[in-house]
Amino acid sequence: MKKLVYILLFCNLAIVDLFASDLSVRHQAVKTTILSWYTGSCKVSYERTVLSNQTMEITAGYIGVGHDNFNNNPKGFTGRYAHKYIFYGNDIQPLNGFYLRPELIYTHFHYDTKIDRERALSKMGSAVFTVGYQYAKHRFVADFFVGGGYAFGNEADTHYQHGFALWEVAGGYNKNIAMTFGIKLGVSFY
C-alpha cells in the first residue's frame, strides 16, 4: 500500500510539472509510439527544430516486446527518418501545428511463418508521405499522423512491417503500397 501511495504521488507531481506554466521555447521532444506496444514493438522518437517551422525526427524501435498481435514471435529492429514541415507553428511553440512529413522507414526482423511456423526474415524499406497534427503545450506533446507511400523488399506473411502495413484492403493486396498511422506521446524540452 505504501508503494502505491508513492507511485501515485510521483505520477501526480509529474503531471503537475508537465502542465506547469512555463513559457520557455522548446525546440526538442522525445516521444514514444503508443500503438506499437499493441503490435509487438517499442519505438522512441527524438525530434528537433532545424529551421523555422521545420523539424527532423529520428525513430528507433525494437521489434519483439509488447503484445504479439499476430502470434509470430518477431525479433528485430526498425528505424525511421522524417523531415517535418509544420504549418501554423509559432515562435513560442515551434513543435505545434499541422504538418506534412516525408519519411523513410526500414524494418529488419525474423518471425514464425503462418503456415509451417518456420523462422523467416523480413527486410523492407518504405518511402512514405504523412500528414498530421502535433499538439505541444508546455512540456506535453501529442502527435497524430496518417500516410502512405511506396514499399520494397522481402515482406512478412502478415503484411505488417512494424512501422507500416502493406496494402490489404477489400481482398486486394499489393506489396508495394505502404500505409502508416500512429499516435505518439512525449515531452518537449529546450
C-alpha atoms as a PDB file:
ATOM      1  CA  MET A   1       0.000   0.000   0.000  1.00  0.00           C
ATOM      2  CA  LYS A   2       2.850   2.337   0.852  1.00  0.00           C
ATOM      3  CA  LYS A   3       4.423   1.736  -2.600  1.00  0.00           C
ATOM      4  CA  LEU A   4       1.103   2.542  -4.293  1.00  0.00           C
ATOM      5  CA  VAL A   5       0.902   5.864  -2.422  1.00  0.00           C
ATOM      6  CA  TYR A   6       4.446   6.759  -3.521  1.00  0.00           C
ATOM      7  CA  ILE A   7       3.694   5.826  -7.130  1.00  0.00           C
ATOM      8  CA  LEU A   8       0.500   7.919  -7.165  1.00  0.00           C
ATOM      9  CA  LEU A   9       2.306  10.844  -5.534  1.00  0.00           C
ATOM     10  CA  PHE A  10       5.109  10.650  -8.120  1.00  0.00           C
ATOM     11  CA  CYS A  11       2.600  10.482 -11.012  1.00  0.00           C
ATOM     12  CA  ASN A  12       0.693  13.464  -9.605  1.00  0.00           C
ATOM     13  CA  LEU A  13       3.867  15.558  -9.293  1.00  0.00           C
ATOM     14  CA  ALA A  14       4.952  14.568 -12.803  1.00  0.00           C
ATOM     15  CA  ILE A  15       1.588  15.592 -14.281  1.00  0.00           C
ATOM     16  CA  VAL A  16       1.594  18.923 -12.440  1.00  0.00           C
ATOM     17  CA  ASP A  17       5.144  19.594 -13.648  1.00  0.00           C
ATOM     18  CA  LEU A  18       4.221  18.577 -17.201  1.00  0.00           C
ATOM     19  CA  PHE A  19       1.461  21.198 -17.420  1.00  0.00           C
ATOM     20  CA  ALA A  20       3.234  23.909 -15.409  1.00  0.00           C
ATOM     21  CA  SER A  21       3.044  27.423 -16.853  1.00  0.00           C
ATOM     22  CA  ASP A  22       6.492  27.734 -18.368  1.00  0.00           C
ATOM     23  CA  LEU A  23       6.659  29.966 -21.429  1.00  0.00           C
ATOM     24  CA  SER A  24      10.177  28.930 -22.442  1.00  0.00           C
ATOM     25  CA  VAL A  25      10.572  27.970 -26.084  1.00  0.00           C
ATOM     26  CA  ARG A  26      11.089  24.245 -26.503  1.00  0.00           C
ATOM     27  CA  HIS A  27      12.850  23.048 -29.659  1.00  0.00           C
ATOM     28  CA  GLN A  28      13.226  19.332 -28.872  1.00  0.00           C
ATOM     29  CA  ALA A  29      10.943  16.440 -27.962  1.00  0.00           C
ATOM     30  CA  VAL A  30      11.192  12.768 -27.035  1.00  0.00           C
ATOM     31  CA  LYS A  31       8.113  10.675 -27.863  1.00  0.00           C
ATOM     32  CA  THR A  32       7.008   7.057 -27.850  1.00  0.00           C
ATOM     33  CA  THR A  33       4.627   5.463 -30.333  1.00  0.00           C
ATOM     34  CA  ILE A  34       1.673   4.289 -28.250  1.00  0.00           C
ATOM     35  CA  LEU A  35       0.085   1.831 -30.719  1.00  0.00           C
ATOM     36  CA  SER A  36       3.364  -0.011 -31.360  1.00  0.00           C
ATOM     37  CA  TRP A  37       3.128  -1.789 -27.982  1.00  0.00           C
ATOM     38  CA  TYR A  38      -0.077  -3.450 -29.188  1.00  0.00           C
ATOM     39  CA  THR A  39       1.635  -4.889 -32.273  1.00  0.00           C
ATOM     40  CA  GLY A  40       4.841  -6.179 -30.699  1.00  0.00           C
ATOM     41  CA  SER A  41       7.389  -3.372 -30.815  1.00  0.00           C
ATOM     42  CA  CYS A  42       8.649  -0.379 -28.870  1.00  0.00           C
ATOM     43  CA  LYS A  43       9.538   2.837 -30.711  1.00  0.00           C
ATOM     44  CA  VAL A  44      11.121   6.012 -29.348  1.00  0.00           C
ATOM     45  CA  SER A  45      11.469   9.220 -31.373  1.00  0.00           C
ATOM     46  CA  TYR A  46      13.674  12.265 -30.995  1.00  0.00           C
ATOM     47  CA  GLU A  47      12.531  15.466 -32.730  1.00  0.00           C
ATOM     48  CA  ARG A  48      14.451  18.724 -33.049  1.00  0.00           C
ATOM     49  CA  THR A  49      13.707  22.063 -34.707  1.00  0.00           C
ATOM     50  CA  VAL A  50      16.198  22.654 -37.528  1.00  0.00           C
ATOM     51  CA  LEU A  51      14.698  25.721 -39.245  1.00  0.00           C
ATOM     52  CA  SER A  52      11.715  27.926 -38.609  1.00  0.00           C
ATOM     53  CA  ASN A  53       8.655  25.611 -38.800  1.00  0.00           C
ATOM     54  CA  GLN A  54      10.786  22.609 -39.835  1.00  0.00           C
ATOM     55  CA  THR A  55      11.957  19.716 -37.703  1.00  0.00           C
ATOM     56  CA  MET A  56      13.805  16.470 -38.182  1.00  0.00           C
ATOM     57  CA  GLU A  57      12.702  13.311 -36.425  1.00  0.00           C
ATOM     58  CA  ILE A  58      14.633  10.093 -35.869  1.00  0.00           C
ATOM     59  CA  THR A  59      12.858   6.977 -34.571  1.00  0.00           C
ATOM     60  CA  ALA A  60      14.452   3.764 -33.349  1.00  0.00           C
ATOM     61  CA  GLY A  61      12.491   0.680 -32.408  1.00  0.00           C
ATOM     62  CA  TYR A  62      12.981  -2.797 -31.037  1.00  0.00           C
ATOM     63  CA  ILE A  63      10.671  -5.442 -32.519  1.00  0.00           C
ATOM     64  CA  GLY A  64       9.783  -8.211 -30.066  1.00  0.00           C
ATOM     65  CA  VAL A  65       8.290  -6.507 -26.992  1.00  0.00           C
ATOM     66  CA  GLY A  66       4.692  -5.725 -26.122  1.00  0.00           C
ATOM     67  CA  HIS A  67       1.653  -7.662 -27.322  1.00  0.00           C
ATOM     68  CA  ASP A  68       2.413 -10.014 -30.245  1.00  0.00           C
ATOM     69  CA  ASN A  69      -0.819  -9.360 -32.154  1.00  0.00           C
ATOM     70  CA  PHE A  70      -0.014 -11.846 -34.949  1.00  0.00           C
ATOM     71  CA  ASN A  71       1.424 -14.574 -32.671  1.00  0.00           C
ATOM     72  CA  ASN A  72       4.533 -14.879 -34.852  1.00  0.00           C
ATOM     73  CA  ASN A  73       7.283 -14.136 -32.301  1.00  0.00           C
ATOM     74  CA  PRO A  74       9.015 -11.269 -34.180  1.00  0.00           C
ATOM     75  CA  LYS A  75      12.551 -10.227 -33.207  1.00  0.00           C
ATOM     76  CA  GLY A  76      14.446  -7.377 -34.843  1.00  0.00           C
ATOM     77  CA  PHE A  77      14.641  -3.605 -35.237  1.00  0.00           C
ATOM     78  CA  THR A  78      13.161  -0.691 -37.132  1.00  0.00           C
ATOM     79  CA  GLY A  79      14.346   2.826 -37.922  1.00  0.00           C
ATOM     80  CA  ARG A  80      12.752   5.939 -39.366  1.00  0.00           C
ATOM     81  CA  TYR A  81      13.920   9.345 -40.516  1.00  0.00           C
ATOM     82  CA  ALA A  82      11.478  12.173 -41.233  1.00  0.00           C
ATOM     83  CA  HIS A  83      11.653  15.846 -42.112  1.00  0.00           C
ATOM     84  CA  LYS A  84       8.556  17.659 -40.883  1.00  0.00           C
ATOM     85  CA  TYR A  85       7.146  20.875 -42.399  1.00  0.00           C
ATOM     86  CA  ILE A  86       4.912  22.454 -39.744  1.00  0.00           C
ATOM     87  CA  PHE A  87       2.164  24.882 -40.764  1.00  0.00           C
ATOM     88  CA  TYR A  88       0.711  27.420 -38.355  1.00  0.00           C
ATOM     89  CA  GLY A  89       3.584  26.895 -35.914  1.00  0.00           C
ATOM     90  CA  ASN A  90       4.779  29.851 -33.879  1.00  0.00           C
ATOM     91  CA  ASP A  91       7.899  31.108 -32.133  1.00  0.00           C
ATOM     92  CA  ILE A  92       6.649  30.146 -28.659  1.00  0.00           C
ATOM     93  CA  GLN A  93       5.700  26.556 -29.603  1.00  0.00           C
ATOM     94  CA  PRO A  94       7.639  25.665 -32.788  1.00  0.00           C
ATOM     95  CA  LEU A  95       6.692  21.966 -32.454  1.00  0.00           C
ATOM     96  CA  ASN A  96       2.949  22.708 -32.529  1.00  0.00           C
ATOM     97  CA  GLY A  97       0.702  22.606 -35.627  1.00  0.00           C
ATOM     98  CA  PHE A  98      -0.449  20.751 -38.732  1.00  0.00           C
ATOM     99  CA  TYR A  99       2.351  19.226 -40.763  1.00  0.00           C
ATOM    100  CA  LEU A 100       3.460  17.401 -43.911  1.00  0.00           C
ATOM    101  CA  ARG A 101       6.236  14.849 -43.436  1.00  0.00           C
ATOM    102  CA  PRO A 102       8.210  12.810 -45.989  1.00  0.00           C
ATOM    103  CA  GLU A 103       9.655   9.787 -44.211  1.00  0.00           C
ATOM    104  CA  LEU A 104      11.999   6.848 -44.824  1.00  0.00           C
ATOM    105  CA  ILE A 105      11.359   3.611 -42.885  1.00  0.00           C
ATOM    106  CA  TYR A 106      13.421   0.420 -42.625  1.00  0.00           C
ATOM    107  CA  THR A 107      12.471  -2.806 -40.817  1.00  0.00           C
ATOM    108  CA  HIS A 108      14.517  -5.965 -40.271  1.00  0.00           C
ATOM    109  CA  PHE A 109      13.102  -8.855 -38.228  1.00  0.00           C
ATOM    110  CA  HIS A 110      12.795 -12.643 -38.002  1.00  0.00           C
ATOM    111  CA  TYR A 111       9.372 -14.174 -37.386  1.00  0.00           C
ATOM    112  CA  ASP A 112       7.448 -17.505 -37.377  1.00  0.00           C
ATOM    113  CA  THR A 113       5.562 -18.016 -40.642  1.00  0.00           C
ATOM    114  CA  LYS A 114       1.792 -18.651 -40.556  1.00  0.00           C
ATOM    115  CA  ILE A 115       1.737 -21.998 -42.363  1.00  0.00           C
ATOM    116  CA  ASP A 116       4.717 -24.087 -41.237  1.00  0.00           C
ATOM    117  CA  ARG A 117       5.911 -21.955 -38.244  1.00  0.00           C
ATOM    118  CA  GLU A 118       9.452 -21.840 -39.717  1.00  0.00           C
ATOM    119  CA  ARG A 119      11.616 -18.802 -38.917  1.00  0.00           C
ATOM    120  CA  ALA A 120      11.778 -16.337 -41.803  1.00  0.00           C
ATOM    121  CA  LEU A 121      13.434 -12.978 -42.358  1.00  0.00           C
ATOM    122  CA  SER A 122      11.640  -9.806 -43.402  1.00  0.00           C
ATOM    123  CA  LYS A 123      13.677  -6.821 -44.601  1.00  0.00           C
ATOM    124  CA  MET A 124      11.676  -3.944 -46.037  1.00  0.00           C
ATOM    125  CA  GLY A 125      12.073  -0.290 -46.759  1.00  0.00           C
ATOM    126  CA  SER A 126       9.448   2.335 -47.412  1.00  0.00           C
ATOM    127  CA  ALA A 127       9.258   5.949 -48.535  1.00  0.00           C
ATOM    128  CA  VAL A 128       6.001   7.435 -47.243  1.00  0.00           C
ATOM    129  CA  PHE A 129       4.368  10.834 -47.087  1.00  0.00           C
ATOM    130  CA  THR A 130       2.379  11.555 -43.932  1.00  0.00           C
ATOM    131  CA  VAL A 131       0.090  14.342 -42.796  1.00  0.00           C
ATOM    132  CA  GLY A 132      -0.712  15.016 -39.199  1.00  0.00           C
ATOM    133  CA  TYR A 133      -1.176  17.317 -36.279  1.00  0.00           C
ATOM    134  CA  GLN A 134       1.199  17.735 -33.383  1.00  0.00           C
ATOM    135  CA  TYR A 135      -0.119  19.344 -30.208  1.00  0.00           C
ATOM    136  CA  ALA A 136       2.584  20.849 -27.994  1.00  0.00           C
ATOM    137  CA  LYS A 137       1.559  22.581 -24.770  1.00  0.00           C
ATOM    138  CA  HIS A 138       4.203  23.440 -22.180  1.00  0.00           C
ATOM    139  CA  ARG A 139       6.097  20.127 -21.884  1.00  0.00           C
ATOM    140  CA  PHE A 140       3.381  17.791 -23.198  1.00  0.00           C
ATOM    141  CA  VAL A 141       3.483  16.645 -26.860  1.00  0.00           C
ATOM    142  CA  ALA A 142       0.870  14.548 -28.715  1.00  0.00           C
ATOM    143  CA  ASP A 143       1.403  13.645 -32.378  1.00  0.00           C
ATOM    144  CA  PHE A 144      -1.318  12.123 -34.630  1.00  0.00           C
ATOM    145  CA  PHE A 145      -0.499  11.096 -38.227  1.00  0.00           C
ATOM    146  CA  VAL A 146      -1.585   9.062 -41.252  1.00  0.00           C
ATOM    147  CA  GLY A 147       0.114   8.438 -44.591  1.00  0.00           C
ATOM    148  CA  GLY A 148       1.074   6.190 -47.437  1.00  0.00           C
ATOM    149  CA  GLY A 149       3.778   5.558 -49.984  1.00  0.00           C
ATOM    150  CA  TYR A 150       5.984   3.020 -51.757  1.00  0.00           C
ATOM    151  CA  ALA A 151       7.408  -0.155 -50.139  1.00  0.00           C
ATOM    152  CA  PHE A 152      10.103  -2.553 -51.353  1.00  0.00           C
ATOM    153  CA  GLY A 153      11.892  -5.633 -50.039  1.00  0.00           C
ATOM    154  CA  ASN A 154      11.070  -9.029 -48.528  1.00  0.00           C
ATOM    155  CA  GLU A 155       7.748  -8.718 -46.689  1.00  0.00           C
ATOM    156  CA  ALA A 156       6.377 -10.713 -43.737  1.00  0.00           C
ATOM    157  CA  ASP A 157       3.449 -13.022 -44.467  1.00  0.00           C
ATOM    158  CA  THR A 158       1.255 -10.979 -42.096  1.00  0.00           C
ATOM    159  CA  HIS A 159       1.843  -7.889 -44.304  1.00  0.00           C
ATOM    160  CA  TYR A 160       2.608  -5.863 -41.142  1.00  0.00           C
ATOM    161  CA  GLN A 161       6.154  -4.493 -41.051  1.00  0.00           C
ATOM    162  CA  HIS A 162       6.266  -2.868 -37.561  1.00  0.00           C
ATOM    163  CA  GLY A 163       6.107   0.700 -38.773  1.00  0.00           C
ATOM    164  CA  PHE A 164       3.897   0.346 -41.808  1.00  0.00           C
ATOM    165  CA  ALA A 165       1.428  -2.144 -43.248  1.00  0.00           C
ATOM    166  CA  LEU A 166       1.220  -3.316 -46.832  1.00  0.00           C
ATOM    167  CA  TRP A 167      -1.933  -2.615 -48.851  1.00  0.00           C
ATOM    168  CA  GLU A 168      -4.542  -5.219 -47.998  1.00  0.00           C
ATOM    169  CA  VAL A 169      -8.000  -3.736 -48.443  1.00  0.00           C
ATOM    170  CA  ALA A 170     -11.243  -5.417 -49.556  1.00  0.00           C
ATOM    171  CA  GLY A 171      -9.465  -8.620 -50.556  1.00  0.00           C
ATOM    172  CA  GLY A 172      -6.819  -6.800 -52.591  1.00  0.00           C
ATOM    173  CA  TYR A 173      -3.113  -6.990 -51.770  1.00  0.00           C
ATOM    174  CA  ASN A 174      -0.171  -5.020 -53.116  1.00  0.00           C
ATOM    175  CA  LYS A 175       3.258  -5.460 -51.522  1.00  0.00           C
ATOM    176  CA  ASN A 176       4.498  -2.133 -52.938  1.00  0.00           C
ATOM    177  CA  ILE A 177       1.928   0.147 -51.290  1.00  0.00           C
ATOM    178  CA  ALA A 178       2.728   1.083 -47.685  1.00  0.00           C
ATOM    179  CA  MET A 179       0.273   2.621 -45.241  1.00  0.00           C
ATOM    180  CA  THR A 180       1.062   4.059 -41.825  1.00  0.00           C
ATOM    181  CA  PHE A 181      -0.735   5.803 -38.984  1.00  0.00           C
ATOM    182  CA  GLY A 182       0.013   6.373 -35.345  1.00  0.00           C
ATOM    183  CA  ILE A 183      -0.148   8.304 -32.123  1.00  0.00           C
ATOM    184  CA  LYS A 184       2.975   9.460 -30.316  1.00  0.00           C
ATOM    185  CA  LEU A 185       3.058  10.948 -26.824  1.00  0.00           C
ATOM    186  CA  GLY A 186       6.032  12.588 -25.202  1.00  0.00           C
ATOM    187  CA  VAL A 187       7.704  15.564 -23.577  1.00  0.00           C
ATOM    188  CA  SER A 188       9.386  18.627 -25.028  1.00  0.00           C
ATOM    189  CA  PHE A 189      12.453  20.404 -23.691  1.00  0.00           C
ATOM    190  CA  TYR A 190      14.886  23.195 -24.558  1.00  0.00           C
END
